[in-house]
Amino acid sequence: MQPPIFARGLTKTFRGVVAVNGLDLEVGSGTVYGLIGRNGAGKTTTLRLLLGLLRPDAGVARLLGADWWDAPPVLRERVAYVSQAWQHPDWMTLGDLSRYSAYFFSRWDDGLAKDLARRWELPWDRPMGRMSGGQQRLAAVLAALGARPDVLLLDEPAAGLDPVLRRDLTRCLIEALLRVEGCTVLLSTHLLSDVERLATHVGVMDHGRIVGTGAVDDWQRTMRRVQAVFPGVSVPEQVEVPGALRSQRLGPVLTAIARVADDAQLDGLRAWPDVRVNVFPLTLEELFVEWFEPVPPLGFAGSGPENLGRSGDPVGEIQ
């Protein structure tokens, strides 16, 4: 049985520019999956392909087991989408929106919508065009969650908000998702702090492909920056950092981003005479920056199954 969100070999090109390049993606039921990547990595295009708003050049994209290009209404009402742009009429109030949505979503929960509006201090009878930008974003999320969807797609939900409003939106999302049990969420963003607070799993997207995926807890628990300083003027050629995803040599210093599941795996490195080994934890944002910071080609680790990969390399997964 396919997971609620599924893509295999998904490809889309615009005027010779490849936006999505053979993408594979699986998001299991009840998972909050953060799709992260730099601007232009292909995140929004991926969501639009999944939703049937674009037709792929190759590959398959399915939500709830169906191709959304021609999915029936009975399935469509089980999926909700919050886009980057405000899409509701400015004259419409939340009360209007709730009555309107009830015609299209058989599971529309007016009680939940009113409760979320009250908890988030959103005016029920004020035209949404007169709401602040932060209130409009929350109103869009409310409209999605009120449908009690099985699948929720969020495209940069905190786009354009200041840090305080972003934190408030994240808190509200967490509260709301606890109310909509079993909902599978795909969150596209480049704001890594939001992913750390919201997501259970994360995938790194680069040049239209998923180049790394894993559980957020595992990434936070195991990903480290390892620095080894050797005596003399250079790092011995045969030295490598176990579990390294990428590494760089600069004079006597070897620096690597590595998966360190057990500190004992560095014992062999520490056994070198007069070496100094320092290990630093990484936040998800620091890992993201380290991932995409350019290094000389020879500085990369190999592309074996323990590696998260680079653009064009096989996907690696942290178990």
Protein backbone atom coordinates (compact mmCIF):
# COMPACT_ATOMS: atom_id res chain seq x y z
CA MET A 1 0.00 0.00 0.00
CA GLN A 2 1.41 3.39 -0.99
CA PRO A 3 1.91 6.09 1.65
CA PRO A 4 -0.43 9.12 1.55
CA ILE A 5 2.20 11.22 -0.24
CA PHE A 6 4.18 9.43 -2.93
CA ALA A 7 6.35 10.41 -5.87
CA ARG A 8 8.65 8.32 -8.04
CA GLY A 9 10.92 9.62 -10.79
CA LEU A 10 9.02 12.91 -10.80
CA THR A 11 10.38 15.32 -13.43
CA LYS A 12 9.32 18.78 -14.61
CA THR A 13 11.12 21.14 -16.99
CA PHE A 14 10.27 24.76 -17.79
CA ARG A 15 11.70 26.10 -21.06
CA GLY A 16 14.77 23.92 -20.82
CA VAL A 17 15.30 24.49 -17.09
CA VAL A 18 14.88 21.36 -14.97
CA ALA A 19 12.89 22.29 -11.86
CA VAL A 20 12.25 18.75 -10.56
CA ASN A 21 14.68 16.04 -11.61
CA GLY A 22 13.69 12.41 -11.04
CA LEU A 23 12.43 13.10 -7.53
CA ASP A 24 11.51 10.22 -5.21
CA LEU A 25 9.45 11.00 -2.11
CA GLU A 26 7.45 8.99 0.39
CA VAL A 27 5.69 10.47 3.42
CA GLY A 28 4.05 7.97 5.75
CA SER A 29 0.67 8.37 7.44
CA GLY A 30 0.69 10.79 10.37
CA THR A 31 4.15 12.13 9.52
CA VAL A 32 5.03 15.83 9.50
CA TYR A 33 7.68 15.99 6.78
CA GLY A 34 9.77 19.11 6.30
CA LEU A 35 10.96 19.60 2.72
CA ILE A 36 13.88 22.00 2.95
CA GLY A 37 16.15 23.52 0.36
CA ARG A 38 17.44 26.77 -1.00
CA ASN A 39 15.23 29.08 -3.05
CA GLY A 40 14.84 27.54 -6.50
CA ALA A 41 15.49 23.98 -5.33
CA GLY A 42 12.11 22.85 -6.72
CA LYS A 43 10.02 22.68 -3.54
CA THR A 44 6.99 24.65 -4.75
CA THR A 45 7.00 22.87 -8.12
CA THR A 46 6.98 19.53 -6.29
CA LEU A 47 3.90 20.51 -4.31
CA ARG A 48 2.13 21.75 -7.43
CA LEU A 49 2.91 18.47 -9.21
CA LEU A 50 1.53 16.47 -6.29
CA LEU A 51 -1.64 18.59 -6.33
CA GLY A 52 -2.20 18.14 -10.05
CA LEU A 53 -1.72 21.87 -10.70
CA LEU A 54 1.10 20.95 -13.07
CA ARG A 55 1.45 17.88 -15.27
CA PRO A 56 4.81 16.12 -14.89
CA ASP A 57 7.04 15.45 -17.86
CA ALA A 58 7.88 12.04 -16.40
CA GLY A 59 7.29 9.98 -13.28
CA VAL A 60 4.30 9.66 -10.97
CA ALA A 61 2.88 11.84 -8.19
CA ARG A 62 0.12 10.52 -5.96
CA LEU A 63 -1.84 11.70 -2.95
CA LEU A 64 -3.91 9.08 -1.10
CA GLY A 65 -3.00 6.63 -3.85
CA ALA A 66 -4.44 8.73 -6.70
CA ASP A 67 -3.03 10.90 -9.46
CA TRP A 68 -4.40 14.34 -8.54
CA TRP A 69 -4.58 15.41 -12.18
CA ASP A 70 -7.89 13.57 -12.47
CA ALA A 71 -8.76 12.61 -8.89
CA PRO A 72 -12.50 12.56 -8.04
CA PRO A 73 -14.06 15.15 -5.67
CA VAL A 74 -14.52 12.51 -2.95
CA LEU A 75 -10.72 12.28 -2.69
CA ARG A 76 -9.96 15.96 -3.32
CA GLU A 77 -11.90 17.04 -0.24
CA ARG A 78 -9.52 15.00 1.91
CA VAL A 79 -6.51 17.15 0.93
CA ALA A 80 -5.88 20.76 1.96
CA TYR A 81 -3.30 23.20 0.64
CA VAL A 82 -1.89 26.47 1.97
CA SER A 83 0.02 28.30 -0.73
CA GLN A 84 2.58 31.08 -0.39
CA ALA A 85 0.17 33.70 -1.74
CA TRP A 86 -3.03 34.93 -0.10
CA GLN A 87 -5.87 33.46 -2.18
CA HIS A 88 -9.11 34.29 -0.36
CA PRO A 89 -11.35 37.25 -1.38
CA ASP A 90 -10.63 40.34 0.71
CA TRP A 91 -14.33 40.97 1.37
CA MET A 92 -14.91 37.53 2.86
CA THR A 93 -15.02 37.08 6.63
CA LEU A 94 -14.06 33.91 8.45
CA GLY A 95 -17.77 33.30 8.98
CA ASP A 96 -18.33 33.58 5.21
CA LEU A 97 -15.38 31.30 4.57
CA SER A 98 -16.69 28.69 6.98
CA ARG A 99 -20.15 28.62 5.35
CA TYR A 100 -18.57 28.54 1.88
CA SER A 101 -16.17 25.71 2.76
CA ALA A 102 -18.96 23.56 4.19
CA TYR A 103 -20.36 23.16 0.64
CA PHE A 104 -17.13 21.62 -0.64
CA PHE A 105 -15.83 19.65 2.34
CA SER A 106 -18.19 17.07 3.77
CA ARG A 107 -16.04 16.84 6.91
CA TRP A 108 -15.89 20.62 7.43
CA ASP A 109 -15.82 21.27 11.19
CA ASP A 110 -17.36 24.65 11.95
CA GLY A 111 -16.78 24.10 15.67
CA LEU A 112 -13.07 23.50 15.13
CA ALA A 113 -12.82 26.57 12.88
CA LYS A 114 -14.47 28.79 15.49
CA ASP A 115 -12.36 27.34 18.27
CA LEU A 116 -9.13 27.94 16.32
CA ALA A 117 -10.25 31.49 15.53
CA ARG A 118 -10.88 32.11 19.22
CA ARG A 119 -7.57 30.59 20.33
CA TRP A 120 -5.64 32.49 17.65
CA GLU A 121 -7.58 35.74 18.32
CA LEU A 122 -8.84 35.99 14.75
CA PRO A 123 -11.94 38.19 14.25
CA TRP A 124 -14.80 36.04 12.95
CA ASP A 125 -16.79 38.86 11.32
CA ARG A 126 -14.05 41.18 9.98
CA PRO A 127 -13.28 41.12 6.22
CA MET A 128 -10.04 39.21 5.78
CA GLY A 129 -8.66 41.99 3.59
CA ARG A 130 -8.58 44.15 6.73
CA MET A 131 -6.60 41.58 8.72
CA SER A 132 -2.85 41.85 9.25
CA GLY A 133 -0.50 39.69 7.20
CA GLY A 134 0.04 37.35 10.13
CA GLN A 135 -3.71 37.02 10.71
CA GLN A 136 -4.26 36.25 7.03
CA ARG A 137 -1.69 33.45 7.16
CA LEU A 138 -3.40 32.00 10.24
CA ALA A 139 -6.78 32.34 8.50
CA ALA A 140 -5.46 30.34 5.54
CA VAL A 141 -4.22 27.62 7.88
CA LEU A 142 -7.55 27.65 9.71
CA ALA A 143 -9.39 27.17 6.42
CA ALA A 144 -7.19 24.16 5.63
CA LEU A 145 -7.49 22.53 9.04
CA GLY A 146 -11.24 23.11 9.32
CA ALA A 147 -11.70 20.64 6.47
CA ARG A 148 -10.13 17.96 8.71
CA PRO A 149 -7.89 16.77 5.87
CA ASP A 150 -6.04 13.49 5.70
CA VAL A 151 -3.20 15.29 3.88
CA LEU A 152 -2.09 18.88 4.40
CA LEU A 153 0.41 20.60 2.09
CA LEU A 154 2.00 23.82 3.37
CA ASP A 155 4.11 25.93 1.02
CA GLU A 156 6.23 28.40 2.99
CA PRO A 157 3.43 29.03 5.53
CA ALA A 158 5.52 31.62 7.41
CA ALA A 159 6.68 33.51 4.30
CA GLY A 160 6.93 37.25 4.89
CA LEU A 161 6.30 37.08 8.64
CA ASP A 162 8.62 38.58 11.23
CA PRO A 163 10.30 36.24 13.77
CA VAL A 164 7.64 36.81 16.46
CA LEU A 165 4.74 36.06 14.09
CA ARG A 166 6.63 33.05 12.69
CA ARG A 167 6.96 31.61 16.17
CA ASP A 168 3.29 32.28 16.88
CA LEU A 169 2.28 30.59 13.62
CA THR A 170 4.42 27.56 14.42
CA ARG A 171 2.92 27.30 17.89
CA CYS A 172 -0.59 27.54 16.44
CA LEU A 173 0.18 24.88 13.85
CA ILE A 174 1.44 22.50 16.50
CA GLU A 175 -1.70 23.03 18.57
CA ALA A 176 -3.95 22.55 15.56
CA LEU A 177 -2.24 19.42 14.26
CA LEU A 178 -2.77 17.83 17.65
CA ARG A 179 -6.48 18.39 17.08
CA VAL A 180 -6.54 16.84 13.59
CA GLU A 181 -5.43 13.30 14.35
CA GLY A 182 -3.69 11.22 11.71
CA CYS A 183 -3.11 14.14 9.35
CA THR A 184 -0.06 13.71 7.09
CA VAL A 185 1.76 17.00 6.52
CA LEU A 186 4.26 18.05 3.86
CA LEU A 187 5.83 21.36 4.85
CA SER A 188 7.94 23.17 2.26
CA THR A 189 10.22 25.83 3.70
CA HIS A 190 13.72 27.22 3.90
CA LEU A 191 13.21 28.35 7.52
CA LEU A 192 15.03 25.62 9.41
CA SER A 193 13.91 26.69 12.89
CA ASP A 194 10.30 26.05 11.82
CA VAL A 195 11.19 22.54 10.69
CA GLU A 196 12.94 21.76 13.98
CA ARG A 197 9.84 22.75 15.93
CA LEU A 198 7.24 21.17 13.62
CA ALA A 199 8.58 18.23 11.63
CA THR A 200 9.16 14.62 12.60
CA HIS A 201 11.11 13.91 9.40
CA VAL A 202 13.05 16.05 7.00
CA GLY A 203 14.24 15.84 3.41
CA VAL A 204 16.88 18.06 1.83
CA MET A 205 16.10 19.11 -1.72
CA ASP A 206 18.72 20.38 -4.14
CA HIS A 207 18.51 20.90 -7.91
CA GLY A 208 15.15 19.14 -8.08
CA ARG A 209 16.06 16.01 -6.13
CA ILE A 210 15.86 14.73 -2.56
CA VAL A 211 19.52 14.39 -1.64
CA GLY A 212 19.07 13.42 2.01
CA THR A 213 16.26 12.29 4.27
CA GLY A 214 15.79 11.12 7.85
CA ALA A 215 14.10 11.63 11.20
CA VAL A 216 14.69 15.07 12.71
CA ASP A 217 15.53 13.54 16.10
CA ASP A 218 18.21 11.35 14.51
CA TRP A 219 19.75 14.27 12.66
CA GLN A 220 19.89 16.35 15.84
CA ARG A 221 21.25 13.45 17.88
CA THR A 222 23.94 12.22 15.51
CA MET A 223 25.08 15.00 13.17
CA ARG A 224 28.35 16.58 14.31
CA ARG A 225 31.16 18.79 13.09
CA VAL A 226 34.39 16.94 13.79
CA GLN A 227 37.70 18.82 13.75
CA ALA A 228 41.03 17.02 14.02
CA VAL A 229 44.24 19.05 14.34
CA PHE A 230 47.43 17.13 13.56
CA PRO A 231 51.04 18.03 14.36
CA GLY A 232 53.12 19.18 11.42
CA VAL A 233 51.98 20.99 8.31
CA SER A 234 49.41 18.61 6.80
CA VAL A 235 46.85 15.92 7.56
CA PRO A 236 48.16 12.37 6.94
CA GLU A 237 46.74 11.16 3.62
CA GLN A 238 45.25 7.95 5.02
CA VAL A 239 43.23 9.70 7.73
CA GLU A 240 39.45 9.91 7.36
CA VAL A 241 36.68 10.78 9.80
CA PRO A 242 34.37 7.75 10.25
CA GLY A 243 30.82 8.50 9.12
CA ALA A 244 31.87 11.64 7.25
CA LEU A 245 29.35 13.08 4.79
CA ARG A 246 31.76 15.69 3.59
CA SER A 247 35.23 16.69 4.73
CA GLN A 248 37.87 19.29 4.03
CA ARG A 249 41.63 19.40 4.63
CA LEU A 250 43.33 22.70 5.29
CA GLY A 251 46.96 22.40 6.33
CA PRO A 252 47.11 20.26 9.49
CA VAL A 253 43.34 20.56 10.11
CA LEU A 254 40.77 18.01 8.98
CA THR A 255 37.17 19.18 9.33
CA ALA A 256 34.20 16.95 8.59
CA ILE A 257 30.43 16.88 8.86
CA ALA A 258 29.80 13.39 10.13
CA ARG A 259 27.17 11.11 11.49
CA VAL A 260 28.43 10.19 14.95
CA ALA A 261 25.97 7.67 16.40
CA ASP A 262 28.47 6.59 19.08
CA ASP A 263 31.41 8.65 20.31
CA ALA A 264 33.52 5.48 20.32
CA GLN A 265 33.56 5.51 16.51
CA LEU A 266 36.09 8.36 16.75
CA ASP A 267 38.51 6.35 18.93
CA GLY A 268 40.59 5.39 15.90
CA LEU A 269 40.97 9.05 14.97
CA ARG A 270 41.94 9.98 18.51
CA ALA A 271 44.60 7.23 18.52
CA TRP A 272 46.82 9.19 16.12
CA PRO A 273 49.87 10.61 17.95
CA ASP A 274 49.43 14.17 19.27
CA VAL A 275 46.16 14.74 17.45
CA ARG A 276 43.53 17.04 18.98
CA VAL A 277 39.94 16.05 18.18
CA ASN A 278 37.04 18.44 18.82
CA VAL A 279 33.39 17.50 18.31
CA PHE A 280 30.64 20.11 17.97
CA PRO A 281 26.86 19.59 17.82
CA LEU A 282 24.95 21.02 14.88
CA THR A 283 21.50 22.54 14.71
CA LEU A 284 19.47 21.72 11.62
CA GLU A 285 20.16 25.23 10.33
CA GLU A 286 23.90 24.83 10.84
CA LEU A 287 23.81 21.47 9.09
CA PHE A 288 21.93 23.04 6.18
CA VAL A 289 24.53 25.80 5.85
CA GLU A 290 27.40 23.33 6.11
CA TRP A 291 25.74 21.11 3.50
CA PHE A 292 25.51 23.78 0.84
CA GLU A 293 28.67 25.72 1.60
CA PRO A 294 30.99 25.18 -1.36
CA VAL A 295 34.10 23.08 -0.79
CA PRO A 296 36.74 21.82 -3.21
CA PRO A 297 35.54 18.65 -5.01
CA LEU A 298 38.26 16.54 -3.42
CA GLY A 299 37.01 17.60 0.00
CA PHE A 300 33.86 15.51 -0.26
CA ALA A 301 33.53 12.14 1.35
CA GLY A 302 32.55 9.16 -0.80
CA SER A 303 29.01 8.45 -1.95
CA GLY A 304 28.42 5.22 -0.08
CA PRO A 305 25.11 4.26 1.53
CA GLU A 306 25.89 6.08 4.78
CA ASN A 307 26.22 9.41 2.97
CA LEU A 308 23.46 11.94 2.63
CA GLY A 309 24.76 12.71 -0.84
CA ARG A 310 25.30 15.69 -3.05
CA SER A 311 23.39 17.05 -5.97
CA GLY A 312 23.37 14.24 -8.52
CA ASP A 313 24.47 11.56 -6.04
CA PRO A 314 22.30 8.70 -4.74
CA VAL A 315 20.09 9.57 -1.81
CA GLY A 316 21.38 8.60 1.60
CA GLU A 317 19.16 8.09 4.62
CA ILE A 318 19.76 8.39 8.32
CA GLN A 319 18.02 5.48 9.93
